[in-house]
């Protein structure tokens, strides 16, 4: 039986902590930053005023910075703004 990649599978906190302890601190911070930035980008939809457009662009740049660190560590960790947050 195969598992669809679209169904999120929860990871117990202890397992997540064990995985996180094996990663450099900068990569963990970049992962948190990428998740927050991707969530912020999805918040802006439809016609945007100039201020909202600037905020969206700032969130996209934060996502790009975080993804640069994540891609250097493991390309599979990169987040896109239109995808679901892990």
PDB file of N, CA and C in Angstrom:
ATOM      1  N   UNK A   1       0.834  -1.158   0.000  1.00  0.00           N
ATOM      2  CA  UNK A   1       0.000   0.000   0.000  1.00  0.00           C
ATOM      3  C   UNK A   1       0.889   1.235   0.000  1.00  0.00           C
ATOM      4  N   UNK A   2       0.574   2.195  -0.842  1.00  0.00           N
ATOM      5  CA  UNK A   2       1.377   3.404  -0.906  1.00  0.00           C
ATOM      6  C   UNK A   2       0.652   4.548  -0.202  1.00  0.00           C
ATOM      7  N   UNK A   3       1.418   5.492   0.267  1.00  0.00           N
ATOM      8  CA  UNK A   3       0.875   6.644   0.962  1.00  0.00           C
ATOM      9  C   UNK A   3       0.964   7.846   0.035  1.00  0.00           C
ATOM     10  N   UNK A   4      -0.109   8.584  -0.073  1.00  0.00           N
ATOM     11  CA  UNK A   4      -0.120   9.772  -0.905  1.00  0.00           C
ATOM     12  C   UNK A   4       0.759  10.841  -0.278  1.00  0.00           C
ATOM     13  N   UNK A   5       1.473  11.598  -1.107  1.00  0.00           N
ATOM     14  CA  UNK A   5       2.309  12.680  -0.591  1.00  0.00           C
ATOM     15  C   UNK A   5       1.465  13.883  -0.197  1.00  0.00           C
ATOM     16  N   UNK A   6       0.175  13.876  -0.510  1.00  0.00           N
ATOM     17  CA  UNK A   6      -0.682  15.003  -0.207  1.00  0.00           C
ATOM     18  C   UNK A   6      -1.253  14.941   1.201  1.00  0.00           C
ATOM     19  N   UNK A   7      -1.165  13.789   1.837  1.00  0.00           N
ATOM     20  CA  UNK A   7      -1.716  13.619   3.178  1.00  0.00           C
ATOM     21  C   UNK A   7      -0.595  13.822   4.188  1.00  0.00           C
ATOM     22  N   UNK A   8      -0.685  14.875   5.015  1.00  0.00           N
ATOM     23  CA  UNK A   8       0.374  15.081   6.002  1.00  0.00           C
ATOM     24  C   UNK A   8       0.298  14.029   7.108  1.00  0.00           C
ATOM     25  N   UNK A   9       1.440  13.541   7.485  1.00  0.00           N
ATOM     26  CA  UNK A   9       1.524  12.554   8.551  1.00  0.00           C
ATOM     27  C   UNK A   9       2.169  13.244   9.751  1.00  0.00           C
ATOM     28  N   UNK A  10       1.488  13.276  10.889  1.00  0.00           N
ATOM     29  CA  UNK A  10       2.065  13.963  12.047  1.00  0.00           C
ATOM     30  C   UNK A  10       3.297  13.238  12.574  1.00  0.00           C
ATOM     31  N   UNK A  11       4.258  14.026  13.025  1.00  0.00           N
ATOM     32  CA  UNK A  11       5.478  13.480  13.603  1.00  0.00           C
ATOM     33  C   UNK A  11       5.423  13.758  15.103  1.00  0.00           C
ATOM     34  N   UNK A  12       5.628  12.749  15.920  1.00  0.00           N
ATOM     35  CA  UNK A  12       5.638  12.989  17.375  1.00  0.00           C
ATOM     36  C   UNK A  12       6.717  14.001  17.756  1.00  0.00           C
ATOM     37  N   UNK A  13       6.478  14.744  18.821  1.00  0.00           N
ATOM     38  CA  UNK A  13       7.401  15.789  19.248  1.00  0.00           C
ATOM     39  C   UNK A  13       8.797  15.252  19.549  1.00  0.00           C
ATOM     40  N   UNK A  14       8.881  14.081  20.143  1.00  0.00           N
ATOM     41  CA  UNK A  14      10.191  13.518  20.470  1.00  0.00           C
ATOM     42  C   UNK A  14      10.976  13.170  19.204  1.00  0.00           C
ATOM     43  N   UNK A  15      10.291  12.688  18.185  1.00  0.00           N
ATOM     44  CA  UNK A  15      10.958  12.368  16.917  1.00  0.00           C
ATOM     45  C   UNK A  15      11.419  13.662  16.244  1.00  0.00           C
ATOM     46  N   UNK A  16      10.576  14.690  16.254  1.00  0.00           N
ATOM     47  CA  UNK A  16      10.960  15.974  15.673  1.00  0.00           C
ATOM     48  C   UNK A  16      12.157  16.566  16.412  1.00  0.00           C
ATOM     49  N   UNK A  17      12.193  16.444  17.717  1.00  0.00           N
ATOM     50  CA  UNK A  17      13.328  16.940  18.502  1.00  0.00           C
ATOM     51  C   UNK A  17      14.604  16.168  18.175  1.00  0.00           C
ATOM     52  N   UNK A  18      14.488  14.871  17.981  1.00  0.00           N
ATOM     53  CA  UNK A  18      15.657  14.061  17.640  1.00  0.00           C
ATOM     54  C   UNK A  18      16.185  14.434  16.255  1.00  0.00           C
ATOM     55  N   UNK A  19      15.278  14.648  15.303  1.00  0.00           N
ATOM     56  CA  UNK A  19      15.695  15.069  13.961  1.00  0.00           C
ATOM     57  C   UNK A  19      16.348  16.444  14.039  1.00  0.00           C
ATOM     58  N   UNK A  20      15.739  17.352  14.790  1.00  0.00           N
ATOM     59  CA  UNK A  20      16.271  18.696  14.916  1.00  0.00           C
ATOM     60  C   UNK A  20      17.628  18.743  15.583  1.00  0.00           C
ATOM     61  N   UNK A  21      17.890  17.822  16.501  1.00  0.00           N
ATOM     62  CA  UNK A  21      19.175  17.817  17.189  1.00  0.00           C
ATOM     63  C   UNK A  21      20.322  17.418  16.260  1.00  0.00           C
ATOM     64  N   UNK A  22      20.006  16.811  15.133  1.00  0.00           N
ATOM     65  CA  UNK A  22      21.028  16.389  14.178  1.00  0.00           C
ATOM     66  C   UNK A  22      21.321  17.460  13.121  1.00  0.00           C
ATOM     67  N   UNK A  23      20.546  18.528  13.140  1.00  0.00           N
ATOM     68  CA  UNK A  23      20.706  19.584  12.142  1.00  0.00           C
ATOM     69  C   UNK A  23      21.407  20.790  12.765  1.00  0.00           C
ATOM     70  N   UNK A  24      22.185  21.523  11.966  1.00  0.00           N
ATOM     71  CA  UNK A  24      22.806  22.746  12.485  1.00  0.00           C
ATOM     72  C   UNK A  24      21.742  23.771  12.873  1.00  0.00           C
ATOM     73  N   UNK A  25      22.074  24.600  13.839  1.00  0.00           N
ATOM     74  CA  UNK A  25      21.133  25.582  14.360  1.00  0.00           C
ATOM     75  C   UNK A  25      20.685  26.573  13.281  1.00  0.00           C
ATOM     76  N   UNK A  26      21.592  26.959  12.403  1.00  0.00           N
ATOM     77  CA  UNK A  26      21.240  27.891  11.323  1.00  0.00           C
ATOM     78  C   UNK A  26      20.213  27.316  10.365  1.00  0.00           C
ATOM     79  N   UNK A  27      20.290  26.025  10.120  1.00  0.00           N
ATOM     80  CA  UNK A  27      19.331  25.365   9.230  1.00  0.00           C
ATOM     81  C   UNK A  27      17.965  25.279   9.912  1.00  0.00           C
ATOM     82  N   UNK A  28      17.944  24.990  11.208  1.00  0.00           N
ATOM     83  CA  UNK A  28      16.675  24.952  11.937  1.00  0.00           C
ATOM     84  C   UNK A  28      16.007  26.318  11.929  1.00  0.00           C
ATOM     85  N   UNK A  29      16.796  27.381  12.134  1.00  0.00           N
ATOM     86  CA  UNK A  29      16.239  28.731  12.112  1.00  0.00           C
ATOM     87  C   UNK A  29      15.723  29.081  10.716  1.00  0.00           C
ATOM     88  N   UNK A  30      16.444  28.657   9.687  1.00  0.00           N
ATOM     89  CA  UNK A  30      15.999  28.912   8.318  1.00  0.00           C
ATOM     90  C   UNK A  30      14.694  28.177   8.023  1.00  0.00           C
ATOM     91  N   UNK A  31      14.529  26.989   8.571  1.00  0.00           N
ATOM     92  CA  UNK A  31      13.289  26.250   8.362  1.00  0.00           C
ATOM     93  C   UNK A  31      12.105  26.970   9.015  1.00  0.00           C
ATOM     94  N   UNK A  32      12.310  27.465  10.218  1.00  0.00           N
ATOM     95  CA  UNK A  32      11.257  28.218  10.901  1.00  0.00           C
ATOM     96  C   UNK A  32      10.936  29.492  10.120  1.00  0.00           C
ATOM     97  N   UNK A  33      11.970  30.187   9.663  1.00  0.00           N
ATOM     98  CA  UNK A  33      11.772  31.414   8.890  1.00  0.00           C
ATOM     99  C   UNK A  33      11.019  31.136   7.588  1.00  0.00           C
ATOM    100  N   UNK A  34      11.350  30.026   6.926  1.00  0.00           N
ATOM    101  CA  UNK A  34      10.691  29.686   5.662  1.00  0.00           C
ATOM    102  C   UNK A  34       9.215  29.370   5.886  1.00  0.00           C
ATOM    103  N   UNK A  35       8.903  28.644   6.933  1.00  0.00           N
ATOM    104  CA  UNK A  35       7.505  28.311   7.222  1.00  0.00           C
ATOM    105  C   UNK A  35       6.706  29.577   7.518  1.00  0.00           C
ATOM    106  N   UNK A  36       7.279  30.469   8.327  1.00  0.00           N
ATOM    107  CA  UNK A  36       6.588  31.724   8.662  1.00  0.00           C
ATOM    108  C   UNK A  36       6.408  32.592   7.425  1.00  0.00           C
ATOM    109  N   UNK A  37       7.436  32.681   6.583  1.00  0.00           N
ATOM    110  CA  UNK A  37       7.355  33.510   5.383  1.00  0.00           C
ATOM    111  C   UNK A  37       6.353  32.935   4.380  1.00  0.00           C
ATOM    112  N   UNK A  38       6.333  31.620   4.226  1.00  0.00           N
ATOM    113  CA  UNK A  38       5.380  31.005   3.293  1.00  0.00           C
ATOM    114  C   UNK A  38       3.948  31.227   3.770  1.00  0.00           C
ATOM    115  N   UNK A  39       3.737  31.150   5.070  1.00  0.00           N
ATOM    116  CA  UNK A  39       2.408  31.406   5.631  1.00  0.00           C
ATOM    117  C   UNK A  39       2.019  32.870   5.410  1.00  0.00           C
ATOM    118  N   UNK A  40       2.976  33.780   5.559  1.00  0.00           N
ATOM    119  CA  UNK A  40       2.715  35.209   5.363  1.00  0.00           C
ATOM    120  C   UNK A  40       2.399  35.518   3.895  1.00  0.00           C
ATOM    121  N   UNK A  41       3.094  34.873   2.969  1.00  0.00           N
ATOM    122  CA  UNK A  41       2.851  35.099   1.539  1.00  0.00           C
ATOM    123  C   UNK A  41       1.443  34.660   1.173  1.00  0.00           C
ATOM    124  N   UNK A  42       0.989  33.526   1.698  1.00  0.00           N
ATOM    125  CA  UNK A  42      -0.346  33.031   1.374  1.00  0.00           C
ATOM    126  C   UNK A  42      -1.452  33.910   1.953  1.00  0.00           C
ATOM    127  N   UNK A  43      -1.108  34.738   2.942  1.00  0.00           N
ATOM    128  CA  UNK A  43      -2.094  35.613   3.564  1.00  0.00           C
ATOM    129  C   UNK A  43      -2.553  36.708   2.601  1.00  0.00           C
ATOM    130  N   UNK A  44      -1.699  37.088   1.664  1.00  0.00           N
ATOM    131  CA  UNK A  44      -2.024  38.159   0.717  1.00  0.00           C
ATOM    132  C   UNK A  44      -2.589  37.562  -0.565  1.00  0.00           C
ATOM    133  N   UNK A  45      -3.855  37.820  -0.824  1.00  0.00           N
ATOM    134  CA  UNK A  45      -4.517  37.317  -2.037  1.00  0.00           C
ATOM    135  C   UNK A  45      -5.345  38.422  -2.645  1.00  0.00           C
ATOM    136  N   UNK A  46      -5.644  38.265  -3.909  1.00  0.00           N
ATOM    137  CA  UNK A  46      -6.511  39.220  -4.589  1.00  0.00           C
ATOM    138  C   UNK A  46      -5.807  40.533  -4.871  1.00  0.00           C
ATOM    139  N   UNK A  47      -6.570  41.528  -5.252  1.00  0.00           N
ATOM    140  CA  UNK A  47      -5.971  42.838  -5.524  1.00  0.00           C
ATOM    141  C   UNK A  47      -5.355  43.419  -4.242  1.00  0.00           C
ATOM    142  N   UNK A  48      -4.119  43.865  -4.351  1.00  0.00           N
ATOM    143  CA  UNK A  48      -3.414  44.359  -3.181  1.00  0.00           C
ATOM    144  C   UNK A  48      -3.149  45.854  -3.299  1.00  0.00           C
ATOM    145  N   UNK A  49      -3.255  46.537  -2.178  1.00  0.00           N
ATOM    146  CA  UNK A  49      -2.861  47.944  -2.150  1.00  0.00           C
ATOM    147  C   UNK A  49      -1.328  47.997  -2.113  1.00  0.00           C
ATOM    148  N   UNK A  50      -0.776  49.169  -2.225  1.00  0.00           N
ATOM    149  CA  UNK A  50       0.677  49.321  -2.294  1.00  0.00           C
ATOM    150  C   UNK A  50       1.357  48.798  -1.023  1.00  0.00           C
ATOM    151  N   UNK A  51       0.754  49.044   0.129  1.00  0.00           N
ATOM    152  CA  UNK A  51       1.347  48.591   1.382  1.00  0.00           C
ATOM    153  C   UNK A  51       1.331  47.063   1.487  1.00  0.00           C
ATOM    154  N   UNK A  52       0.216  46.444   1.106  1.00  0.00           N
ATOM    155  CA  UNK A  52       0.140  44.978   1.133  1.00  0.00           C
ATOM    156  C   UNK A  52       1.101  44.361   0.117  1.00  0.00           C
ATOM    157  N   UNK A  53       1.240  44.994  -1.042  1.00  0.00           N
ATOM    158  CA  UNK A  53       2.185  44.494  -2.049  1.00  0.00           C
ATOM    159  C   UNK A  53       3.609  44.534  -1.501  1.00  0.00           C
ATOM    160  N   UNK A  54       3.958  45.603  -0.804  1.00  0.00           N
ATOM    161  CA  UNK A  54       5.291  45.718  -0.216  1.00  0.00           C
ATOM    162  C   UNK A  54       5.499  44.650   0.857  1.00  0.00           C
ATOM    163  N   UNK A  55       4.482  44.409   1.671  1.00  0.00           N
ATOM    164  CA  UNK A  55       4.586  43.370   2.701  1.00  0.00           C
ATOM    165  C   UNK A  55       4.740  41.990   2.075  1.00  0.00           C
ATOM    166  N   UNK A  56       4.013  41.736   0.994  1.00  0.00           N
ATOM    167  CA  UNK A  56       4.117  40.447   0.303  1.00  0.00           C
ATOM    168  C   UNK A  56       5.515  40.263  -0.289  1.00  0.00           C
ATOM    169  N   UNK A  57       6.050  41.317  -0.893  1.00  0.00           N
ATOM    170  CA  UNK A  57       7.396  41.246  -1.462  1.00  0.00           C
ATOM    171  C   UNK A  57       8.447  41.011  -0.374  1.00  0.00           C
ATOM    172  N   UNK A  58       8.252  41.634   0.791  1.00  0.00           N
ATOM    173  CA  UNK A  58       9.173  41.414   1.902  1.00  0.00           C
ATOM    174  C   UNK A  58       9.119  39.959   2.364  1.00  0.00           C
ATOM    175  N   UNK A  59       7.917  39.402   2.453  1.00  0.00           N
ATOM    176  CA  UNK A  59       7.770  37.996   2.853  1.00  0.00           C
ATOM    177  C   UNK A  59       8.395  37.066   1.811  1.00  0.00           C
ATOM    178  N   UNK A  60       8.240  37.404   0.533  1.00  0.00           N
ATOM    179  CA  UNK A  60       8.867  36.591  -0.516  1.00  0.00           C
ATOM    180  C   UNK A  60      10.387  36.639  -0.425  1.00  0.00           C
ATOM    181  N   UNK A  61      10.939  37.805  -0.095  1.00  0.00           N
ATOM    182  CA  UNK A  61      12.398  37.892   0.033  1.00  0.00           C
ATOM    183  C   UNK A  61      12.883  37.120   1.256  1.00  0.00           C
ATOM    184  N   UNK A  62      12.116  37.150   2.349  1.00  0.00           N
ATOM    185  CA  UNK A  62      12.476  36.361   3.532  1.00  0.00           C
ATOM    186  C   UNK A  62      12.429  34.868   3.214  1.00  0.00           C
ATOM    187  N   UNK A  63      11.436  34.463   2.436  1.00  0.00           N
ATOM    188  CA  UNK A  63      11.331  33.063   2.026  1.00  0.00           C
ATOM    189  C   UNK A  63      12.518  32.674   1.144  1.00  0.00           C
ATOM    190  N   UNK A  64      12.913  33.557   0.246  1.00  0.00           N
ATOM    191  CA  UNK A  64      14.054  33.267  -0.631  1.00  0.00           C
ATOM    192  C   UNK A  64      15.347  33.133   0.175  1.00  0.00           C
ATOM    193  N   UNK A  65      15.543  34.013   1.160  1.00  0.00           N
ATOM    194  CA  UNK A  65      16.745  33.922   2.000  1.00  0.00           C
ATOM    195  C   UNK A  65      16.775  32.606   2.773  1.00  0.00           C
ATOM    196  N   UNK A  66      15.649  32.232   3.351  1.00  0.00           N
ATOM    197  CA  UNK A  66      15.582  30.984   4.111  1.00  0.00           C
ATOM    198  C   UNK A  66      15.782  29.778   3.194  1.00  0.00           C
ATOM    199  N   UNK A  67      15.187  29.817   2.009  1.00  0.00           N
ATOM    200  CA  UNK A  67      15.327  28.709   1.071  1.00  0.00           C
ATOM    201  C   UNK A  67      16.763  28.545   0.588  1.00  0.00           C
ATOM    202  N   UNK A  68      17.498  29.643   0.518  1.00  0.00           N
ATOM    203  CA  UNK A  68      18.897  29.552   0.093  1.00  0.00           C
ATOM    204  C   UNK A  68      19.699  28.725   1.100  1.00  0.00           C
ATOM    205  N   UNK A  69      19.451  28.955   2.383  1.00  0.00           N
ATOM    206  CA  UNK A  69      20.138  28.188   3.425  1.00  0.00           C
ATOM    207  C   UNK A  69      19.670  26.733   3.397  1.00  0.00           C
ATOM    208  N   UNK A  70      18.363  26.529   3.262  1.00  0.00           N
ATOM    209  CA  UNK A  70      17.821  25.164   3.253  1.00  0.00           C
ATOM    210  C   UNK A  70      18.312  24.370   2.053  1.00  0.00           C
ATOM    211  N   UNK A  71      18.384  25.012   0.887  1.00  0.00           N
ATOM    212  CA  UNK A  71      18.830  24.313  -0.320  1.00  0.00           C
ATOM    213  C   UNK A  71      20.300  23.922  -0.225  1.00  0.00           C
ATOM    214  N   UNK A  72      21.097  24.731   0.445  1.00  0.00           N
ATOM    215  CA  UNK A  72      22.506  24.387   0.617  1.00  0.00           C
ATOM    216  C   UNK A  72      22.661  23.168   1.519  1.00  0.00           C
ATOM    217  N   UNK A  73      21.762  23.023   2.485  1.00  0.00           N
ATOM    218  CA  UNK A  73      21.824  21.879   3.401  1.00  0.00           C
ATOM    219  C   UNK A  73      21.179  20.638   2.787  1.00  0.00           C
ATOM    220  N   UNK A  74      19.951  20.804   2.262  1.00  0.00           N
ATOM    221  CA  UNK A  74      19.226  19.694   1.649  1.00  0.00           C
ATOM    222  C   UNK A  74      18.166  20.283   0.713  1.00  0.00           C
ATOM    223  N   UNK A  75      18.292  20.089  -0.599  1.00  0.00           N
ATOM    224  CA  UNK A  75      17.324  20.669  -1.543  1.00  0.00           C
ATOM    225  C   UNK A  75      15.881  20.215  -1.314  1.00  0.00           C
ATOM    226  N   UNK A  76      15.673  19.132  -0.637  1.00  0.00           N
ATOM    227  CA  UNK A  76      14.327  18.646  -0.364  1.00  0.00           C
ATOM    228  C   UNK A  76      13.588  19.463   0.694  1.00  0.00           C
ATOM    229  N   UNK A  77      14.280  20.340   1.390  1.00  0.00           N
ATOM    230  CA  UNK A  77      13.661  21.154   2.437  1.00  0.00           C
ATOM    231  C   UNK A  77      13.092  22.470   1.924  1.00  0.00           C
ATOM    232  N   UNK A  78      13.340  22.805   0.674  1.00  0.00           N
ATOM    233  CA  UNK A  78      12.928  24.098   0.112  1.00  0.00           C
ATOM    234  C   UNK A  78      11.406  24.189   0.055  1.00  0.00           C
ATOM    235  N   UNK A  79      10.866  25.345   0.467  1.00  0.00           N
ATOM    236  CA  UNK A  79       9.431  25.610   0.432  1.00  0.00           C
ATOM    237  C   UNK A  79       9.115  26.584  -0.690  1.00  0.00           C
ATOM    238  N   UNK A  80       7.978  26.376  -1.324  1.00  0.00           N
ATOM    239  CA  UNK A  80       7.476  27.326  -2.322  1.00  0.00           C
ATOM    240  C   UNK A  80       6.294  28.063  -1.720  1.00  0.00           C
ATOM    241  N   UNK A  81       6.071  29.311  -2.137  1.00  0.00           N
ATOM    242  CA  UNK A  81       4.979  30.077  -1.527  1.00  0.00           C
ATOM    243  C   UNK A  81       3.601  29.494  -1.786  1.00  0.00           C
ATOM    244  N   UNK A  82       3.391  28.782  -2.877  1.00  0.00           N
ATOM    245  CA  UNK A  82       2.063  28.270  -3.189  1.00  0.00           C
ATOM    246  C   UNK A  82       1.754  26.898  -2.620  1.00  0.00           C
ATOM    247  N   UNK A  83       2.751  26.250  -2.022  1.00  0.00           N
ATOM    248  CA  UNK A  83       2.532  24.894  -1.512  1.00  0.00           C
ATOM    249  C   UNK A  83       2.128  24.931  -0.054  1.00  0.00           C
ATOM    250  N   UNK A  84       1.598  23.831   0.408  1.00  0.00           N
ATOM    251  CA  UNK A  84       1.217  23.739   1.813  1.00  0.00           C
ATOM    252  C   UNK A  84       2.422  23.710   2.710  1.00  0.00           C
ATOM    253  N   UNK A  85       2.270  24.257   3.864  1.00  0.00           N
ATOM    254  CA  UNK A  85       3.348  24.297   4.837  1.00  0.00           C
ATOM    255  C   UNK A  85       3.380  22.973   5.567  1.00  0.00           C
ATOM    256  N   UNK A  86       4.587  22.429   5.695  1.00  0.00           N
ATOM    257  CA  UNK A  86       4.725  21.140   6.386  1.00  0.00           C
ATOM    258  C   UNK A  86       4.466  21.281   7.833  1.00  0.00           C
TER     259      UNK A  86
END
